[in-house]
PDB file of N, CA and C in Angstrom:
ATOM      1  N   UNK A   1       6.362  -0.363  -6.071  1.00  0.00           N
ATOM      2  CA  UNK A   1       5.158  -1.076  -5.255  1.00  0.00           C
ATOM      3  C   UNK A   1       5.762  -2.196  -4.474  1.00  0.00           C
ATOM      4  N   UNK A   2       6.702  -3.065  -5.171  1.00  0.00           N
ATOM      5  CA  UNK A   2       6.980  -4.512  -3.748  1.00  0.00           C
ATOM      6  C   UNK A   2       7.465  -4.013  -2.992  1.00  0.00           C
ATOM      7  N   UNK A   3       8.623  -2.551  -2.637  1.00  0.00           N
ATOM      8  CA  UNK A   3       8.829  -2.318  -1.338  1.00  0.00           C
ATOM      9  C   UNK A   3       7.759  -1.891  -0.267  1.00  0.00           C
ATOM     10  N   UNK A   4       6.488  -1.382  -0.950  1.00  0.00           N
ATOM     11  CA  UNK A   4       5.640  -1.057   0.100  1.00  0.00           C
ATOM     12  C   UNK A   4       4.926  -2.220   0.664  1.00  0.00           C
ATOM     13  N   UNK A   5       5.058  -3.140  -0.297  1.00  0.00           N
ATOM     14  CA  UNK A   5       4.164  -4.489  -0.109  1.00  0.00           C
ATOM     15  C   UNK A   5       5.000  -4.793   1.421  1.00  0.00           C
ATOM     16  N   UNK A   6       6.418  -5.038   1.385  1.00  0.00           N
ATOM     17  CA  UNK A   6       7.308  -5.578   1.684  1.00  0.00           C
ATOM     18  C   UNK A   6       7.159  -4.905   3.209  1.00  0.00           C
ATOM     19  N   UNK A   7       6.951  -3.567   2.963  1.00  0.00           N
ATOM     20  CA  UNK A   7       7.197  -3.050   4.108  1.00  0.00           C
ATOM     21  C   UNK A   7       5.371  -3.271   4.874  1.00  0.00           C
ATOM     22  N   UNK A   8       4.749  -3.376   3.781  1.00  0.00           N
ATOM     23  CA  UNK A   8       3.161  -3.224   4.804  1.00  0.00           C
ATOM     24  C   UNK A   8       3.728  -5.040   5.399  1.00  0.00           C
ATOM     25  N   UNK A   9       3.849  -5.800   4.772  1.00  0.00           N
ATOM     26  CA  UNK A   9       4.198  -7.380   5.304  1.00  0.00           C
ATOM     27  C   UNK A   9       4.970  -7.100   6.954  1.00  0.00           C
ATOM     28  N   UNK A  10       6.004  -6.632   6.685  1.00  0.00           N
ATOM     29  CA  UNK A  10       6.768  -6.420   8.059  1.00  0.00           C
ATOM     30  C   UNK A  10       5.739  -5.558   8.745  1.00  0.00           C
ATOM     31  N   UNK A  11       5.027  -4.397   9.115  1.00  0.00           N
ATOM     32  CA  UNK A  11       4.783  -3.889  10.139  1.00  0.00           C
ATOM     33  C   UNK A  11       3.301  -4.560  10.378  1.00  0.00           C
ATOM     34  N   UNK A  12       2.547  -5.024   9.442  1.00  0.00           N
ATOM     35  CA  UNK A  12       1.007  -6.235  10.005  1.00  0.00           C
ATOM     36  C   UNK A  12       2.001  -7.235  11.167  1.00  0.00           C
ATOM     37  N   UNK A  13       3.165  -8.150  10.819  1.00  0.00           N
ATOM     38  CA  UNK A  13       3.863  -8.965  11.438  1.00  0.00           C
ATOM     39  C   UNK A  13       4.387  -8.290  12.555  1.00  0.00           C
ATOM     40  N   UNK A  14       4.668  -6.635  13.102  1.00  0.00           N
ATOM     41  CA  UNK A  14       5.138  -6.223  14.218  1.00  0.00           C
ATOM     42  C   UNK A  14       3.862  -5.906  15.164  1.00  0.00           C
ATOM     43  N   UNK A  15       2.815  -5.394  14.358  1.00  0.00           N
ATOM     44  CA  UNK A  15       1.520  -5.644  15.129  1.00  0.00           C
ATOM     45  C   UNK A  15       0.479  -6.591  15.458  1.00  0.00           C
ATOM     46  N   UNK A  16       1.174  -7.678  14.888  1.00  0.00           N
ATOM     47  CA  UNK A  16       0.812  -9.071  15.360  1.00  0.00           C
ATOM     48  C   UNK A  16       1.648  -9.388  16.727  1.00  0.00           C
ATOM     49  N   UNK A  17       2.610  -9.088  16.398  1.00  0.00           N
ATOM     50  CA  UNK A  17       3.828  -9.609  17.887  1.00  0.00           C
ATOM     51  C   UNK A  17       3.360  -8.307  19.105  1.00  0.00           C
ATOM     52  N   UNK A  18       2.963  -7.144  18.887  1.00  0.00           N
ATOM     53  CA  UNK A  18       2.865  -6.590  19.681  1.00  0.00           C
ATOM     54  C   UNK A  18       1.075  -6.450  20.553  1.00  0.00           C
ATOM     55  N   UNK A  19       0.019  -7.443  19.621  1.00  0.00           N
ATOM     56  CA  UNK A  19      -1.354  -7.980  20.030  1.00  0.00           C
ATOM     57  C   UNK A  19      -0.744  -8.858  20.485  1.00  0.00           C
ATOM     58  N   UNK A  20      -0.161  -9.973  20.395  1.00  0.00           N
ATOM     59  CA  UNK A  20       0.224 -11.046  21.270  1.00  0.00           C
ATOM     60  C   UNK A  20       0.671 -10.405  22.728  1.00  0.00           C
ATOM     61  N   UNK A  21       1.866  -9.781  22.915  1.00  0.00           N
ATOM     62  CA  UNK A  21       2.188  -8.703  24.311  1.00  0.00           C
ATOM     63  C   UNK A  21       1.418  -8.648  24.579  1.00  0.00           C
ATOM     64  N   UNK A  22       0.520  -8.091  24.311  1.00  0.00           N
ATOM     65  CA  UNK A  22      -0.780  -7.296  24.604  1.00  0.00           C
ATOM     66  C   UNK A  22      -1.761  -8.436  25.457  1.00  0.00           C
ATOM     67  N   UNK A  23      -2.158  -9.334  25.058  1.00  0.00           N
ATOM     68  CA  UNK A  23      -2.726 -10.023  25.278  1.00  0.00           C
ATOM     69  C   UNK A  23      -2.407 -10.932  26.425  1.00  0.00           C
ATOM     70  N   UNK A  24      -1.184 -11.077  26.343  1.00  0.00           N
ATOM     71  CA  UNK A  24      -0.533 -11.564  27.609  1.00  0.00           C
ATOM     72  C   UNK A  24      -0.437 -10.904  28.792  1.00  0.00           C
ATOM     73  N   UNK A  25       0.188  -9.334  28.405  1.00  0.00           N
ATOM     74  CA  UNK A  25       0.061  -8.777  29.863  1.00  0.00           C
ATOM     75  C   UNK A  25      -1.427  -8.532  30.194  1.00  0.00           C
ATOM     76  N   UNK A  26      -2.911  -8.706  29.183  1.00  0.00           N
ATOM     77  CA  UNK A  26      -4.010  -8.486  29.772  1.00  0.00           C
ATOM     78  C   UNK A  26      -4.547  -9.896  30.229  1.00  0.00           C
ATOM     79  N   UNK A  27      -3.883 -11.178  30.002  1.00  0.00           N
ATOM     80  CA  UNK A  27      -4.657 -12.372  30.304  1.00  0.00           C
ATOM     81  C   UNK A  27      -3.624 -12.959  31.573  1.00  0.00           C
ATOM     82  N   UNK A  28      -1.909 -12.844  31.370  1.00  0.00           N
ATOM     83  CA  UNK A  28      -1.568 -13.552  32.293  1.00  0.00           C
ATOM     84  C   UNK A  28      -0.412 -12.165  33.285  1.00  0.00           C
ATOM     85  N   UNK A  29      -1.054 -11.543  33.499  1.00  0.00           N
ATOM     86  CA  UNK A  29       0.229 -10.526  34.030  1.00  0.00           C
ATOM     87  C   UNK A  29       1.403 -10.760  35.284  1.00  0.00           C
ATOM     88  N   UNK A  30       0.941 -12.194  36.162  1.00  0.00           N
ATOM     89  CA  UNK A  30       2.276 -12.639  36.617  1.00  0.00           C
ATOM     90  C   UNK A  30       2.773 -13.322  35.939  1.00  0.00           C
ATOM     91  N   UNK A  31       2.513 -13.709  34.521  1.00  0.00           N
ATOM     92  CA  UNK A  31       3.715 -14.156  34.039  1.00  0.00           C
ATOM     93  C   UNK A  31       4.981 -13.027  33.762  1.00  0.00           C
ATOM     94  N   UNK A  32       4.947 -12.228  33.911  1.00  0.00           N
ATOM     95  CA  UNK A  32       5.741 -10.922  33.240  1.00  0.00           C
ATOM     96  C   UNK A  32       6.340 -10.419  34.524  1.00  0.00           C
ATOM     97  N   UNK A  33       7.328 -11.385  35.653  1.00  0.00           N
ATOM     98  CA  UNK A  33       7.627 -10.676  36.204  1.00  0.00           C
ATOM     99  C   UNK A  33       8.564  -9.581  37.081  1.00  0.00           C
ATOM    100  N   UNK A  34       9.410  -9.638  35.398  1.00  0.00           N
ATOM    101  CA  UNK A  34      10.239  -8.217  35.787  1.00  0.00           C
ATOM    102  C   UNK A  34       9.443  -6.707  35.121  1.00  0.00           C
ATOM    103  N   UNK A  35       8.219  -6.687  35.020  1.00  0.00           N
ATOM    104  CA  UNK A  35       7.607  -5.406  34.553  1.00  0.00           C
ATOM    105  C   UNK A  35       6.675  -5.264  35.943  1.00  0.00           C
ATOM    106  N   UNK A  36       7.620  -4.356  36.285  1.00  0.00           N
ATOM    107  CA  UNK A  36       6.689  -3.840  37.698  1.00  0.00           C
ATOM    108  C   UNK A  36       5.625  -2.799  37.399  1.00  0.00           C
ATOM    109  N   UNK A  37       5.287  -2.415  36.165  1.00  0.00           N
ATOM    110  CA  UNK A  37       4.442  -1.253  36.031  1.00  0.00           C
ATOM    111  C   UNK A  37       3.885  -1.541  34.797  1.00  0.00           C
ATOM    112  N   UNK A  38       2.622  -3.250  35.011  1.00  0.00           N
ATOM    113  CA  UNK A  38       2.027  -3.538  34.124  1.00  0.00           C
ATOM    114  C   UNK A  38       1.391  -2.304  33.461  1.00  0.00           C
ATOM    115  N   UNK A  39       0.730  -1.278  34.312  1.00  0.00           N
ATOM    116  CA  UNK A  39      -0.440  -0.553  32.864  1.00  0.00           C
ATOM    117  C   UNK A  39       0.524   0.434  32.352  1.00  0.00           C
ATOM    118  N   UNK A  40       1.526   0.545  32.493  1.00  0.00           N
ATOM    119  CA  UNK A  40       2.632   1.569  31.461  1.00  0.00           C
ATOM    120  C   UNK A  40       3.161   0.609  30.406  1.00  0.00           C
ATOM    121  N   UNK A  41       2.870  -0.858  30.831  1.00  0.00           N
ATOM    122  CA  UNK A  41       3.531  -1.692  29.459  1.00  0.00           C
ATOM    123  C   UNK A  41       2.612  -1.862  28.836  1.00  0.00           C
ATOM    124  N   UNK A  42       1.357  -1.989  29.004  1.00  0.00           N
ATOM    125  CA  UNK A  42       0.017  -2.222  28.297  1.00  0.00           C
ATOM    126  C   UNK A  42      -0.192  -0.467  27.418  1.00  0.00           C
ATOM    127  N   UNK A  43      -0.292   0.266  28.057  1.00  0.00           N
ATOM    128  CA  UNK A  43      -0.072   1.661  27.487  1.00  0.00           C
ATOM    129  C   UNK A  43       0.465   1.988  26.236  1.00  0.00           C
ATOM    130  N   UNK A  44       2.023   1.353  26.462  1.00  0.00           N
ATOM    131  CA  UNK A  44       3.113   1.452  25.612  1.00  0.00           C
ATOM    132  C   UNK A  44       2.259   0.628  24.591  1.00  0.00           C
ATOM    133  N   UNK A  45       2.266  -0.642  24.807  1.00  0.00           N
ATOM    134  CA  UNK A  45       1.441  -1.349  23.617  1.00  0.00           C
ATOM    135  C   UNK A  45       0.345  -0.766  22.864  1.00  0.00           C
ATOM    136  N   UNK A  46      -0.244  -0.495  23.794  1.00  0.00           N
ATOM    137  CA  UNK A  46      -1.543   0.034  23.022  1.00  0.00           C
ATOM    138  C   UNK A  46      -1.329   1.243  22.167  1.00  0.00           C
ATOM    139  N   UNK A  47      -0.109   2.028  21.933  1.00  0.00           N
ATOM    140  CA  UNK A  47       0.869   3.345  21.629  1.00  0.00           C
ATOM    141  C   UNK A  47       1.302   2.402  19.887  1.00  0.00           C
ATOM    142  N   UNK A  48       1.724   1.518  20.327  1.00  0.00           N
ATOM    143  CA  UNK A  48       2.671   0.976  19.428  1.00  0.00           C
ATOM    144  C   UNK A  48       1.759   0.449  18.574  1.00  0.00           C
ATOM    145  N   UNK A  49       0.758  -0.244  18.803  1.00  0.00           N
ATOM    146  CA  UNK A  49      -0.277  -0.785  18.132  1.00  0.00           C
ATOM    147  C   UNK A  49      -0.629   0.178  17.072  1.00  0.00           C
ATOM    148  N   UNK A  50      -0.852   1.349  18.129  1.00  0.00           N
ATOM    149  CA  UNK A  50      -2.243   2.360  16.936  1.00  0.00           C
ATOM    150  C   UNK A  50      -1.091   3.150  16.023  1.00  0.00           C
ATOM    151  N   UNK A  51       0.598   3.357  16.295  1.00  0.00           N
ATOM    152  CA  UNK A  51       1.004   3.913  15.581  1.00  0.00           C
ATOM    153  C   UNK A  51       1.360   2.725  14.178  1.00  0.00           C
ATOM    154  N   UNK A  52       1.368   1.429  14.522  1.00  0.00           N
ATOM    155  CA  UNK A  52       1.213   1.029  13.358  1.00  0.00           C
ATOM    156  C   UNK A  52      -0.149   0.404  12.474  1.00  0.00           C
ATOM    157  N   UNK A  53      -1.209   0.403  13.034  1.00  0.00           N
ATOM    158  CA  UNK A  53      -2.018   0.360  12.528  1.00  0.00           C
ATOM    159  C   UNK A  53      -2.577   2.217  11.407  1.00  0.00           C
ATOM    160  N   UNK A  54      -1.532   2.848  11.998  1.00  0.00           N
ATOM    161  CA  UNK A  54      -1.666   4.118  11.320  1.00  0.00           C
ATOM    162  C   UNK A  54      -0.889   4.147  10.001  1.00  0.00           C
ATOM    163  N   UNK A  55       0.117   3.249  10.183  1.00  0.00           N
ATOM    164  CA  UNK A  55       1.690   3.009   8.848  1.00  0.00           C
ATOM    165  C   UNK A  55       0.365   2.137   8.058  1.00  0.00           C
ATOM    166  N   UNK A  56      -0.239   0.961   8.433  1.00  0.00           N
ATOM    167  CA  UNK A  56      -0.711   0.369   7.776  1.00  0.00           C
ATOM    168  C   UNK A  56      -2.345   0.592   7.005  1.00  0.00           C
ATOM    169  N   UNK A  57      -2.304   1.422   7.629  1.00  0.00           N
ATOM    170  CA  UNK A  57      -3.388   2.225   6.998  1.00  0.00           C
ATOM    171  C   UNK A  57      -3.319   3.019   5.816  1.00  0.00           C
ATOM    172  N   UNK A  58      -2.383   3.697   6.203  1.00  0.00           N
ATOM    173  CA  UNK A  58      -1.324   4.673   5.262  1.00  0.00           C
ATOM    174  C   UNK A  58      -1.361   4.075   3.821  1.00  0.00           C
ATOM    175  N   UNK A  59       0.034   3.027   3.660  1.00  0.00           N
ATOM    176  CA  UNK A  59      -0.173   1.783   3.056  1.00  0.00           C
ATOM    177  C   UNK A  59      -0.780   1.596   2.173  1.00  0.00           C
ATOM    178  N   UNK A  60      -1.774   0.945   2.922  1.00  0.00           N
ATOM    179  CA  UNK A  60      -3.080   0.779   2.474  1.00  0.00           C
ATOM    180  C   UNK A  60      -3.456   1.722   1.297  1.00  0.00           C
ATOM    181  N   UNK A  61      -4.125   2.552   2.134  1.00  0.00           N
ATOM    182  CA  UNK A  61      -4.223   3.844   0.660  1.00  0.00           C
ATOM    183  C   UNK A  61      -3.729   4.074  -0.118  1.00  0.00           C
ATOM    184  N   UNK A  62      -2.674   4.127   0.046  1.00  0.00           N
ATOM    185  CA  UNK A  62      -1.181   4.221  -1.183  1.00  0.00           C
ATOM    186  C   UNK A  62      -1.331   3.438  -2.342  1.00  0.00           C
ATOM    187  N   UNK A  63      -1.111   2.232  -1.596  1.00  0.00           N
ATOM    188  CA  UNK A  63      -1.439   0.958  -2.886  1.00  0.00           C
ATOM    189  C   UNK A  63      -2.761   1.260  -3.850  1.00  0.00           C
ATOM    190  N   UNK A  64      -3.458   1.777  -2.737  1.00  0.00           N
ATOM    191  CA  UNK A  64      -4.903   1.448  -3.268  1.00  0.00           C
ATOM    192  C   UNK A  64      -5.250   2.370  -4.177  1.00  0.00           C
ATOM    193  N   UNK A  65      -4.666   3.865  -4.134  1.00  0.00           N
ATOM    194  CA  UNK A  65      -4.326   4.806  -5.427  1.00  0.00           C
ATOM    195  C   UNK A  65      -3.415   4.426  -6.371  1.00  0.00           C
ATOM    196  N   UNK A  66      -2.503   3.442  -6.414  1.00  0.00           N
ATOM    197  CA  UNK A  66      -1.125   3.124  -7.425  1.00  0.00           C
ATOM    198  C   UNK A  66      -1.976   1.952  -8.293  1.00  0.00           C
ATOM    199  N   UNK A  67      -2.659   1.417  -8.264  1.00  0.00           N
ATOM    200  CA  UNK A  67      -3.324   0.097  -8.691  1.00  0.00           C
ATOM    201  C   UNK A  67      -4.289   1.022  -9.603  1.00  0.00           C
ATOM    202  N   UNK A  68      -3.931  -0.153 -11.056  1.00  0.00           N
ATOM    203  CA  UNK A  68      -4.438   0.475 -12.383  1.00  0.00           C
ATOM    204  C   UNK A  68      -6.271   0.427 -12.035  1.00  0.00           C
ATOM    205  N   UNK A  69      -6.432   1.785 -13.056  1.00  0.00           N
ATOM    206  CA  UNK A  69      -7.772   2.009 -12.601  1.00  0.00           C
ATOM    207  C   UNK A  69      -8.481   1.067 -13.865  1.00  0.00           C
ATOM    208  N   UNK A  70      -9.282   0.292 -13.360  1.00  0.00           N
ATOM    209  CA  UNK A  70     -10.192  -0.140 -14.079  1.00  0.00           C
ATOM    210  C   UNK A  70     -11.221   0.371 -15.434  1.00  0.00           C
ATOM    211  N   UNK A  71     -11.175   0.115 -16.317  1.00  0.00           N
ATOM    212  CA  UNK A  71     -12.271   0.527 -17.209  1.00  0.00           C
ATOM    213  C   UNK A  71     -13.059  -0.373 -18.179  1.00  0.00           C
ATOM    214  N   UNK A  72     -14.350   0.056 -17.624  1.00  0.00           N
ATOM    215  CA  UNK A  72     -15.453  -0.424 -17.954  1.00  0.00           C
ATOM    216  C   UNK A  72     -16.033  -0.565 -19.643  1.00  0.00           C
ATOM    217  N   UNK A  73     -16.105  -1.784 -20.117  1.00  0.00           N
ATOM    218  CA  UNK A  73     -15.829  -2.067 -21.497  1.00  0.00           C
ATOM    219  C   UNK A  73     -17.224  -2.911 -21.821  1.00  0.00           C
TER     220      UNK A  73
END
């Protein structure tokens, strides 16, 4: 389970970076001089975020399934 938590932490970090990049593209497109097609860059960021969110969701489901069941006493 430690590997899953480590991968989850990594993916959350990658998603957060992608989200911040997207925020920069949307709020300061002039600051991104080397990118001539902001639309494509935004679409790529959204795709990356979507893929990372899917992986994060899947790992969270797996972790929940692996949790020991609590018994009512």
